[in-house]
């Protein structure tokens, strides 16, 4: 789905789709690492910027989600340090605003960068030039109603326990 989102964004913008970050082999999902220090370290080692693609360019990064903002802020910084003129983020789902009680290791909504913040406040924290999320309506139109959207809406199919 992420590749499809990236190709669609490039097509709609009328720009070529290029890979500007190479994901290193054996890298893991950073948002599920147990500590902030391990998440920071994981992001640094996960991606290798391609200078020939990024240098001097206005770059649009399409990602699946922003959870804590660790990955996004480090990627923006890395892309800028590689020579990009501007860095814009497009996220293929709405902002995560509530903990996931069904398997994703997010214990509290306070861990999420989007909880209680506007898109502009999130953009400033991440340091990108612009930020846009897929709307809830468009996500549901794409996926349908057979999914839990609790972390995006706070509306869970089964109310979470207080434990």
C-alpha atoms as a PDB file:
ATOM      1  CA  UNK A   1       0.000   0.000   0.000  1.00  0.00           C
ATOM      2  CA  UNK A   2       2.819   2.423   0.787  1.00  0.00           C
ATOM      3  CA  UNK A   3       4.391   2.071  -2.666  1.00  0.00           C
ATOM      4  CA  UNK A   4       0.977   2.714  -4.195  1.00  0.00           C
ATOM      5  CA  UNK A   5       0.581   5.852  -2.063  1.00  0.00           C
ATOM      6  CA  UNK A   6       4.007   7.098  -3.107  1.00  0.00           C
ATOM      7  CA  UNK A   7       3.320   6.560  -6.797  1.00  0.00           C
ATOM      8  CA  UNK A   8      -0.118   8.219  -6.537  1.00  0.00           C
ATOM      9  CA  UNK A   9       1.275  11.282  -4.751  1.00  0.00           C
ATOM     10  CA  UNK A  10       3.981  11.700  -7.411  1.00  0.00           C
ATOM     11  CA  UNK A  11       1.454  11.235 -10.200  1.00  0.00           C
ATOM     12  CA  UNK A  12      -1.029  13.749  -8.730  1.00  0.00           C
ATOM     13  CA  UNK A  13       1.786  16.263  -8.190  1.00  0.00           C
ATOM     14  CA  UNK A  14       3.058  15.732 -11.728  1.00  0.00           C
ATOM     15  CA  UNK A  15       6.577  14.920 -10.564  1.00  0.00           C
ATOM     16  CA  UNK A  16       8.732  11.850 -11.127  1.00  0.00           C
ATOM     17  CA  UNK A  17       8.762   9.130  -8.486  1.00  0.00           C
ATOM     18  CA  UNK A  18      12.294   8.519  -7.275  1.00  0.00           C
ATOM     19  CA  UNK A  19      13.738   6.659  -4.322  1.00  0.00           C
ATOM     20  CA  UNK A  20      15.804   9.119  -2.286  1.00  0.00           C
ATOM     21  CA  UNK A  21      16.293   6.950   0.794  1.00  0.00           C
ATOM     22  CA  UNK A  22      17.496   3.394   0.680  1.00  0.00           C
ATOM     23  CA  UNK A  23      16.362   1.181   3.526  1.00  0.00           C
ATOM     24  CA  UNK A  24      19.259  -0.808   4.872  1.00  0.00           C
ATOM     25  CA  UNK A  25      18.937  -4.583   5.021  1.00  0.00           C
ATOM     26  CA  UNK A  26      17.944  -6.138   8.349  1.00  0.00           C
ATOM     27  CA  UNK A  27      16.451  -2.889   9.683  1.00  0.00           C
ATOM     28  CA  UNK A  28      13.418  -3.215  11.919  1.00  0.00           C
ATOM     29  CA  UNK A  29      10.366  -1.129  12.752  1.00  0.00           C
ATOM     30  CA  UNK A  30      11.626   1.668  14.971  1.00  0.00           C
ATOM     31  CA  UNK A  31       8.359   2.825  16.546  1.00  0.00           C
ATOM     32  CA  UNK A  32       8.015  -0.444  18.502  1.00  0.00           C
ATOM     33  CA  UNK A  33      11.452  -0.272  20.111  1.00  0.00           C
ATOM     34  CA  UNK A  34      11.157  -0.002  23.921  1.00  0.00           C
ATOM     35  CA  UNK A  35      13.080   3.225  24.595  1.00  0.00           C
ATOM     36  CA  UNK A  36      13.454   6.593  22.897  1.00  0.00           C
ATOM     37  CA  UNK A  37      17.218   6.089  22.723  1.00  0.00           C
ATOM     38  CA  UNK A  38      16.826   2.772  20.858  1.00  0.00           C
ATOM     39  CA  UNK A  39      14.257   4.355  18.502  1.00  0.00           C
ATOM     40  CA  UNK A  40      16.641   7.259  17.738  1.00  0.00           C
ATOM     41  CA  UNK A  41      19.517   4.882  17.062  1.00  0.00           C
ATOM     42  CA  UNK A  42      17.341   2.624  14.928  1.00  0.00           C
ATOM     43  CA  UNK A  43      16.241   5.452  12.629  1.00  0.00           C
ATOM     44  CA  UNK A  44      19.818   6.604  12.092  1.00  0.00           C
ATOM     45  CA  UNK A  45      20.892   3.134  10.990  1.00  0.00           C
ATOM     46  CA  UNK A  46      17.724   2.251   9.066  1.00  0.00           C
ATOM     47  CA  UNK A  47      18.013   4.690   6.149  1.00  0.00           C
ATOM     48  CA  UNK A  48      20.768   5.690   3.737  1.00  0.00           C
ATOM     49  CA  UNK A  49      20.092   8.927   1.820  1.00  0.00           C
ATOM     50  CA  UNK A  50      20.926   9.026  -1.899  1.00  0.00           C
ATOM     51  CA  UNK A  51      22.656  12.359  -2.449  1.00  0.00           C
ATOM     52  CA  UNK A  52      22.321  12.317  -6.249  1.00  0.00           C
ATOM     53  CA  UNK A  53      18.526  12.146  -5.883  1.00  0.00           C
ATOM     54  CA  UNK A  54      18.080  14.578  -2.950  1.00  0.00           C
ATOM     55  CA  UNK A  55      20.681  17.316  -3.340  1.00  0.00           C
ATOM     56  CA  UNK A  56      19.241  20.645  -4.453  1.00  0.00           C
ATOM     57  CA  UNK A  57      15.695  19.263  -4.730  1.00  0.00           C
ATOM     58  CA  UNK A  58      12.304  19.960  -3.225  1.00  0.00           C
ATOM     59  CA  UNK A  59      11.498  16.534  -1.761  1.00  0.00           C
ATOM     60  CA  UNK A  60       8.146  14.980  -0.899  1.00  0.00           C
ATOM     61  CA  UNK A  61       8.402  12.039   1.494  1.00  0.00           C
ATOM     62  CA  UNK A  62       5.393   9.716   1.624  1.00  0.00           C
ATOM     63  CA  UNK A  63       5.166   7.501   4.700  1.00  0.00           C
ATOM     64  CA  UNK A  64       2.523   5.192   6.115  1.00  0.00           C
ATOM     65  CA  UNK A  65       2.090   6.907   9.478  1.00  0.00           C
ATOM     66  CA  UNK A  66       3.576   9.171  12.105  1.00  0.00           C
ATOM     67  CA  UNK A  67       3.458   7.631  15.576  1.00  0.00           C
ATOM     68  CA  UNK A  68       5.814   9.448  17.962  1.00  0.00           C
ATOM     69  CA  UNK A  69       7.504  11.598  15.323  1.00  0.00           C
ATOM     70  CA  UNK A  70      10.957  10.087  15.888  1.00  0.00           C
ATOM     71  CA  UNK A  71      11.310   8.635  12.402  1.00  0.00           C
ATOM     72  CA  UNK A  72       9.814  11.638  10.616  1.00  0.00           C
ATOM     73  CA  UNK A  73      11.936  14.266  12.374  1.00  0.00           C
ATOM     74  CA  UNK A  74      15.157  12.310  11.897  1.00  0.00           C
ATOM     75  CA  UNK A  75      14.355  11.657   8.210  1.00  0.00           C
ATOM     76  CA  UNK A  76      13.634  15.337   7.600  1.00  0.00           C
ATOM     77  CA  UNK A  77      16.938  16.301   9.221  1.00  0.00           C
ATOM     78  CA  UNK A  78      18.847  13.609   7.300  1.00  0.00           C
ATOM     79  CA  UNK A  79      17.324  14.677   3.969  1.00  0.00           C
ATOM     80  CA  UNK A  80      18.140  18.346   4.638  1.00  0.00           C
ATOM     81  CA  UNK A  81      21.725  17.448   5.615  1.00  0.00           C
ATOM     82  CA  UNK A  82      22.031  15.587   2.303  1.00  0.00           C
ATOM     83  CA  UNK A  83      21.247  18.843   0.505  1.00  0.00           C
ATOM     84  CA  UNK A  84      17.498  18.960  -0.122  1.00  0.00           C
ATOM     85  CA  UNK A  85      16.135  22.496  -0.442  1.00  0.00           C
ATOM     86  CA  UNK A  86      12.685  21.659   0.992  1.00  0.00           C
ATOM     87  CA  UNK A  87      11.182  18.598   2.666  1.00  0.00           C
ATOM     88  CA  UNK A  88       7.425  17.979   2.557  1.00  0.00           C
ATOM     89  CA  UNK A  89       5.690  15.043   4.261  1.00  0.00           C
ATOM     90  CA  UNK A  90       2.558  13.275   3.045  1.00  0.00           C
ATOM     91  CA  UNK A  91       1.190  10.617   5.384  1.00  0.00           C
ATOM     92  CA  UNK A  92      -1.013   7.784   4.078  1.00  0.00           C
ATOM     93  CA  UNK A  93      -3.322   7.710   7.111  1.00  0.00           C
ATOM     94  CA  UNK A  94      -4.842  10.208   9.545  1.00  0.00           C
ATOM     95  CA  UNK A  95      -2.899  11.226  12.674  1.00  0.00           C
ATOM     96  CA  UNK A  96      -2.708   8.584  15.429  1.00  0.00           C
ATOM     97  CA  UNK A  97      -4.297  10.246  18.465  1.00  0.00           C
ATOM     98  CA  UNK A  98      -5.019   7.391  20.846  1.00  0.00           C
ATOM     99  CA  UNK A  99      -3.268   4.317  22.205  1.00  0.00           C
ATOM    100  CA  UNK A 100      -3.770   0.993  20.439  1.00  0.00           C
ATOM    101  CA  UNK A 101      -5.180  -1.629  22.765  1.00  0.00           C
ATOM    102  CA  UNK A 102      -5.140  -4.426  20.196  1.00  0.00           C
ATOM    103  CA  UNK A 103      -1.498  -5.287  19.678  1.00  0.00           C
ATOM    104  CA  UNK A 104       0.583  -2.228  18.771  1.00  0.00           C
ATOM    105  CA  UNK A 105       2.950  -1.333  21.588  1.00  0.00           C
ATOM    106  CA  UNK A 106       1.662   2.154  22.371  1.00  0.00           C
ATOM    107  CA  UNK A 107       0.789   2.240  26.046  1.00  0.00           C
ATOM    108  CA  UNK A 108      -0.471   5.786  26.300  1.00  0.00           C
ATOM    109  CA  UNK A 109      -1.837   8.512  24.050  1.00  0.00           C
ATOM    110  CA  UNK A 110       0.781  10.878  25.506  1.00  0.00           C
ATOM    111  CA  UNK A 111       3.448   8.937  23.524  1.00  0.00           C
ATOM    112  CA  UNK A 112       1.831  10.010  20.246  1.00  0.00           C
ATOM    113  CA  UNK A 113       3.023  13.203  18.585  1.00  0.00           C
ATOM    114  CA  UNK A 114      -0.468  14.048  17.281  1.00  0.00           C
ATOM    115  CA  UNK A 115      -2.356  13.824  20.592  1.00  0.00           C
ATOM    116  CA  UNK A 116      -3.799  17.269  21.320  1.00  0.00           C
ATOM    117  CA  UNK A 117      -1.861  18.977  18.525  1.00  0.00           C
ATOM    118  CA  UNK A 118      -2.802  20.611  15.251  1.00  0.00           C
ATOM    119  CA  UNK A 119      -1.161  19.563  11.981  1.00  0.00           C
ATOM    120  CA  UNK A 120       0.790  22.841  12.059  1.00  0.00           C
ATOM    121  CA  UNK A 121       2.125  22.104  15.560  1.00  0.00           C
ATOM    122  CA  UNK A 122       3.184  18.602  14.447  1.00  0.00           C
ATOM    123  CA  UNK A 123       4.848  20.086  11.343  1.00  0.00           C
ATOM    124  CA  UNK A 124       6.842  22.484  13.482  1.00  0.00           C
ATOM    125  CA  UNK A 125       7.963  19.698  15.852  1.00  0.00           C
ATOM    126  CA  UNK A 126       9.091  17.519  12.935  1.00  0.00           C
ATOM    127  CA  UNK A 127      10.714  20.419  11.087  1.00  0.00           C
ATOM    128  CA  UNK A 128       9.332  19.813   7.603  1.00  0.00           C
ATOM    129  CA  UNK A 129       8.181  22.531   5.199  1.00  0.00           C
ATOM    130  CA  UNK A 130       4.654  21.139   4.904  1.00  0.00           C
ATOM    131  CA  UNK A 131       2.709  18.218   6.316  1.00  0.00           C
ATOM    132  CA  UNK A 132      -0.543  16.598   5.218  1.00  0.00           C
ATOM    133  CA  UNK A 133      -2.348  13.470   6.361  1.00  0.00           C
ATOM    134  CA  UNK A 134      -4.872  11.346   4.490  1.00  0.00           C
ATOM    135  CA  UNK A 135      -8.327  12.213   5.785  1.00  0.00           C
ATOM    136  CA  UNK A 136     -10.347   9.719   7.823  1.00  0.00           C
ATOM    137  CA  UNK A 137     -13.030   9.832   5.144  1.00  0.00           C
ATOM    138  CA  UNK A 138     -10.558   8.914   2.396  1.00  0.00           C
ATOM    139  CA  UNK A 139      -9.024   6.148   4.513  1.00  0.00           C
ATOM    140  CA  UNK A 140     -12.436   4.597   5.126  1.00  0.00           C
ATOM    141  CA  UNK A 141     -13.321   4.984   1.440  1.00  0.00           C
ATOM    142  CA  UNK A 142     -10.128   3.089   0.597  1.00  0.00           C
ATOM    143  CA  UNK A 143     -10.320   0.336   3.212  1.00  0.00           C
ATOM    144  CA  UNK A 144     -13.975   0.094   4.150  1.00  0.00           C
ATOM    145  CA  UNK A 145     -15.584  -0.422   7.523  1.00  0.00           C
ATOM    146  CA  UNK A 146     -14.166  -3.816   8.506  1.00  0.00           C
ATOM    147  CA  UNK A 147     -11.183  -2.340  10.344  1.00  0.00           C
ATOM    148  CA  UNK A 148     -10.492  -0.930  13.791  1.00  0.00           C
ATOM    149  CA  UNK A 149      -9.771   2.787  13.547  1.00  0.00           C
ATOM    150  CA  UNK A 150      -9.576   3.313  17.336  1.00  0.00           C
ATOM    151  CA  UNK A 151      -6.080   4.817  17.408  1.00  0.00           C
ATOM    152  CA  UNK A 152      -7.185   7.341  14.775  1.00  0.00           C
ATOM    153  CA  UNK A 153     -10.638   8.204  16.128  1.00  0.00           C
ATOM    154  CA  UNK A 154     -10.770   7.055  19.790  1.00  0.00           C
ATOM    155  CA  UNK A 155     -13.815   5.025  18.734  1.00  0.00           C
ATOM    156  CA  UNK A 156     -12.948   1.389  19.540  1.00  0.00           C
ATOM    157  CA  UNK A 157     -15.107  -1.575  18.464  1.00  0.00           C
ATOM    158  CA  UNK A 158     -14.738  -2.962  22.002  1.00  0.00           C
ATOM    159  CA  UNK A 159     -14.111  -0.395  24.757  1.00  0.00           C
ATOM    160  CA  UNK A 160     -10.632  -0.778  26.312  1.00  0.00           C
ATOM    161  CA  UNK A 161     -10.301  -2.127  29.842  1.00  0.00           C
ATOM    162  CA  UNK A 162      -9.199   0.176  32.640  1.00  0.00           C
ATOM    163  CA  UNK A 163      -6.418  -2.235  33.641  1.00  0.00           C
END
